[in-house]
Amino acid sequence: MLSFIFSLILGAIAGFAASYLMGEKSGMLKNILLGVGGGFVGRFVFGLFGFATTNMIASLIVAVVGACICIFVGRKLFK
């Protein structure tokens, strides 16, 4: 249960950072969803290049990059 709460907190931070970097204005729920989804996308993309995360800072960076990718793709699909 604690790891689930930790994942939500890390996702919220990653989603907020990605929204800020990409100039996206969004609410807390969208930030959490972007961060958690971005974690999966980032882990997949970085895995294709042979990178793996081993600590919290690396996971946060990967989640932010993944969330930025999600925002970019979302903008292209829905505009």
N, C-alpha and C. Protein backbone atom coordinates (compact mmCIF):
# COMPACT_ATOMS: atom_id res chain seq x y z
N MET A 1 0.82 -1.20 0.00
CA MET A 1 0.00 0.00 0.00
C MET A 1 0.86 1.26 0.00
N LEU A 2 1.95 1.21 0.74
CA LEU A 2 2.84 2.36 0.80
C LEU A 2 3.49 2.62 -0.55
N SER A 3 3.84 1.56 -1.29
CA SER A 3 4.46 1.76 -2.60
C SER A 3 3.47 2.38 -3.59
N PHE A 4 2.18 2.05 -3.46
CA PHE A 4 1.16 2.65 -4.32
C PHE A 4 1.06 4.15 -4.05
N ILE A 5 1.03 4.54 -2.79
CA ILE A 5 0.96 5.95 -2.42
C ILE A 5 2.23 6.67 -2.89
N PHE A 6 3.37 6.02 -2.72
CA PHE A 6 4.63 6.61 -3.18
C PHE A 6 4.61 6.80 -4.69
N SER A 7 4.05 5.84 -5.44
CA SER A 7 3.96 5.96 -6.90
C SER A 7 3.07 7.14 -7.30
N LEU A 8 1.98 7.34 -6.58
CA LEU A 8 1.10 8.47 -6.86
C LEU A 8 1.80 9.81 -6.58
N ILE A 9 2.54 9.87 -5.49
CA ILE A 9 3.26 11.10 -5.16
C ILE A 9 4.33 11.38 -6.19
N LEU A 10 5.10 10.37 -6.55
CA LEU A 10 6.14 10.52 -7.57
C LEU A 10 5.51 10.88 -8.91
N GLY A 11 4.37 10.27 -9.24
CA GLY A 11 3.66 10.60 -10.47
C GLY A 11 3.17 12.03 -10.49
N ALA A 12 2.66 12.51 -9.36
CA ALA A 12 2.20 13.89 -9.28
C ALA A 12 3.36 14.86 -9.49
N ILE A 13 4.49 14.58 -8.89
CA ILE A 13 5.66 15.44 -9.05
C ILE A 13 6.14 15.42 -10.50
N ALA A 14 6.22 14.22 -11.09
CA ALA A 14 6.66 14.10 -12.47
C ALA A 14 5.67 14.77 -13.42
N GLY A 15 4.39 14.59 -13.19
CA GLY A 15 3.37 15.23 -14.04
C GLY A 15 3.41 16.74 -13.94
N PHE A 16 3.59 17.24 -12.71
CA PHE A 16 3.68 18.69 -12.52
C PHE A 16 4.91 19.24 -13.24
N ALA A 17 6.05 18.56 -13.11
CA ALA A 17 7.28 19.02 -13.76
C ALA A 17 7.14 18.99 -15.28
N ALA A 18 6.54 17.93 -15.80
CA ALA A 18 6.36 17.84 -17.25
C ALA A 18 5.39 18.90 -17.75
N SER A 19 4.31 19.14 -17.02
CA SER A 19 3.36 20.18 -17.40
C SER A 19 4.02 21.55 -17.41
N TYR A 20 4.86 21.79 -16.43
CA TYR A 20 5.58 23.06 -16.35
C TYR A 20 6.55 23.20 -17.52
N LEU A 21 7.30 22.13 -17.81
CA LEU A 21 8.29 22.17 -18.90
C LEU A 21 7.63 22.34 -20.26
N MET A 22 6.46 21.74 -20.44
CA MET A 22 5.78 21.78 -21.73
C MET A 22 4.79 22.94 -21.84
N GLY A 23 4.63 23.73 -20.80
CA GLY A 23 3.72 24.87 -20.82
C GLY A 23 2.25 24.47 -20.82
N GLU A 24 1.96 23.33 -20.22
CA GLU A 24 0.59 22.79 -20.15
C GLU A 24 -0.05 23.23 -18.83
N LYS A 25 -1.24 23.75 -18.90
CA LYS A 25 -1.96 24.10 -17.67
C LYS A 25 -2.95 22.99 -17.39
N SER A 26 -2.77 22.32 -16.26
CA SER A 26 -3.66 21.20 -15.94
C SER A 26 -3.81 21.08 -14.43
N GLY A 27 -4.81 20.30 -14.03
CA GLY A 27 -5.11 20.11 -12.62
C GLY A 27 -4.30 18.97 -12.02
N MET A 28 -4.49 18.76 -10.73
CA MET A 28 -3.74 17.76 -9.99
C MET A 28 -3.99 16.34 -10.51
N LEU A 29 -5.24 16.01 -10.79
CA LEU A 29 -5.56 14.66 -11.27
C LEU A 29 -4.88 14.38 -12.60
N LYS A 30 -4.92 15.34 -13.50
CA LYS A 30 -4.27 15.17 -14.80
C LYS A 30 -2.75 15.04 -14.62
N ASN A 31 -2.18 15.81 -13.70
CA ASN A 31 -0.75 15.70 -13.44
C ASN A 31 -0.38 14.31 -12.92
N ILE A 32 -1.20 13.77 -12.01
CA ILE A 32 -0.93 12.44 -11.49
C ILE A 32 -1.01 11.40 -12.60
N LEU A 33 -2.06 11.49 -13.42
CA LEU A 33 -2.21 10.54 -14.52
C LEU A 33 -1.08 10.66 -15.53
N LEU A 34 -0.69 11.90 -15.84
CA LEU A 34 0.44 12.10 -16.76
C LEU A 34 1.73 11.54 -16.19
N GLY A 35 1.96 11.76 -14.92
CA GLY A 35 3.18 11.28 -14.29
C GLY A 35 3.25 9.76 -14.22
N VAL A 36 2.16 9.13 -13.81
CA VAL A 36 2.14 7.67 -13.72
C VAL A 36 2.22 7.05 -15.12
N GLY A 37 1.43 7.58 -16.05
CA GLY A 37 1.51 7.10 -17.44
C GLY A 37 2.87 7.38 -18.04
N GLY A 38 3.41 8.54 -17.73
CA GLY A 38 4.74 8.90 -18.22
C GLY A 38 5.82 7.99 -17.68
N GLY A 39 5.62 7.49 -16.47
CA GLY A 39 6.57 6.53 -15.91
C GLY A 39 6.63 5.26 -16.74
N PHE A 40 5.46 4.78 -17.15
CA PHE A 40 5.41 3.59 -18.00
C PHE A 40 6.01 3.86 -19.37
N VAL A 41 5.64 4.99 -19.98
CA VAL A 41 6.16 5.34 -21.30
C VAL A 41 7.67 5.56 -21.24
N GLY A 42 8.11 6.31 -20.24
CA GLY A 42 9.54 6.58 -20.10
C GLY A 42 10.35 5.32 -19.86
N ARG A 43 9.83 4.43 -19.00
CA ARG A 43 10.53 3.17 -18.74
C ARG A 43 10.64 2.33 -20.02
N PHE A 44 9.58 2.34 -20.83
CA PHE A 44 9.59 1.60 -22.09
C PHE A 44 10.61 2.19 -23.06
N VAL A 45 10.57 3.53 -23.24
CA VAL A 45 11.47 4.19 -24.18
C VAL A 45 12.93 4.04 -23.74
N PHE A 46 13.19 4.28 -22.47
CA PHE A 46 14.56 4.14 -21.98
C PHE A 46 15.02 2.68 -22.04
N GLY A 47 14.09 1.75 -21.84
CA GLY A 47 14.41 0.33 -21.95
C GLY A 47 14.82 -0.06 -23.36
N LEU A 48 14.24 0.59 -24.36
CA LEU A 48 14.62 0.32 -25.75
C LEU A 48 16.08 0.67 -26.01
N PHE A 49 16.58 1.66 -25.27
CA PHE A 49 17.97 2.07 -25.41
C PHE A 49 18.90 1.38 -24.43
N GLY A 50 18.36 0.47 -23.63
CA GLY A 50 19.18 -0.30 -22.71
C GLY A 50 19.41 0.35 -21.35
N PHE A 51 18.65 1.38 -21.02
CA PHE A 51 18.80 2.05 -19.73
C PHE A 51 17.78 1.51 -18.74
N ALA A 52 18.18 1.41 -17.49
CA ALA A 52 17.28 0.98 -16.42
C ALA A 52 17.48 1.91 -15.23
N THR A 53 16.40 2.16 -14.49
CA THR A 53 16.49 3.03 -13.33
C THR A 53 16.71 2.18 -12.08
N THR A 54 17.54 2.71 -11.20
CA THR A 54 17.84 1.98 -9.97
C THR A 54 17.55 2.78 -8.71
N ASN A 55 17.25 4.07 -8.86
CA ASN A 55 16.96 4.87 -7.67
C ASN A 55 15.81 5.84 -7.95
N MET A 56 15.42 6.57 -6.94
CA MET A 56 14.26 7.45 -7.03
C MET A 56 14.48 8.61 -7.99
N ILE A 57 15.66 9.22 -7.98
CA ILE A 57 15.94 10.36 -8.85
C ILE A 57 15.89 9.95 -10.30
N ALA A 58 16.48 8.81 -10.63
CA ALA A 58 16.45 8.32 -12.01
C ALA A 58 15.01 8.00 -12.43
N SER A 59 14.23 7.41 -11.54
CA SER A 59 12.83 7.11 -11.85
C SER A 59 12.04 8.39 -12.10
N LEU A 60 12.32 9.42 -11.32
CA LEU A 60 11.64 10.70 -11.50
C LEU A 60 11.99 11.31 -12.85
N ILE A 61 13.25 11.27 -13.23
CA ILE A 61 13.68 11.82 -14.52
C ILE A 61 13.03 11.05 -15.66
N VAL A 62 13.01 9.73 -15.57
CA VAL A 62 12.39 8.91 -16.60
C VAL A 62 10.89 9.21 -16.69
N ALA A 63 10.22 9.37 -15.56
CA ALA A 63 8.79 9.68 -15.55
C ALA A 63 8.51 11.05 -16.15
N VAL A 64 9.37 12.03 -15.87
CA VAL A 64 9.19 13.36 -16.44
C VAL A 64 9.36 13.32 -17.96
N VAL A 65 10.38 12.62 -18.43
CA VAL A 65 10.59 12.49 -19.88
C VAL A 65 9.41 11.78 -20.52
N GLY A 66 8.94 10.71 -19.90
CA GLY A 66 7.79 9.99 -20.42
C GLY A 66 6.53 10.84 -20.43
N ALA A 67 6.32 11.63 -19.39
CA ALA A 67 5.15 12.51 -19.34
C ALA A 67 5.24 13.60 -20.40
N CYS A 68 6.44 14.10 -20.66
CA CYS A 68 6.62 15.08 -21.74
C CYS A 68 6.28 14.44 -23.09
N ILE A 69 6.67 13.19 -23.27
CA ILE A 69 6.33 12.48 -24.50
C ILE A 69 4.81 12.33 -24.61
N CYS A 70 4.15 11.99 -23.51
CA CYS A 70 2.69 11.86 -23.51
C CYS A 70 2.01 13.18 -23.85
N ILE A 71 2.49 14.28 -23.29
CA ILE A 71 1.92 15.60 -23.59
C ILE A 71 2.12 15.93 -25.06
N PHE A 72 3.31 15.69 -25.58
CA PHE A 72 3.62 15.97 -26.98
C PHE A 72 2.71 15.17 -27.92
N VAL A 73 2.59 13.87 -27.65
CA VAL A 73 1.74 13.02 -28.49
C VAL A 73 0.27 13.45 -28.38
N GLY A 74 -0.16 13.77 -27.17
CA GLY A 74 -1.54 14.23 -26.97
C GLY A 74 -1.83 15.52 -27.73
N ARG A 75 -0.88 16.43 -27.76
CA ARG A 75 -1.07 17.67 -28.51
C ARG A 75 -1.18 17.38 -30.00
N LYS A 76 -0.38 16.47 -30.51
CA LYS A 76 -0.40 16.15 -31.93
C LYS A 76 -1.68 15.41 -32.32
N LEU A 77 -2.16 14.54 -31.45
CA LEU A 77 -3.35 13.77 -31.76
C LEU A 77 -4.64 14.57 -31.67
N PHE A 78 -4.73 15.48 -30.72
CA PHE A 78 -5.98 16.15 -30.45
C PHE A 78 -6.03 17.60 -30.91
N LYS A 79 -5.14 17.99 -31.79
CA LYS A 79 -5.21 19.34 -32.35
C LYS A 79 -5.35 19.29 -33.84
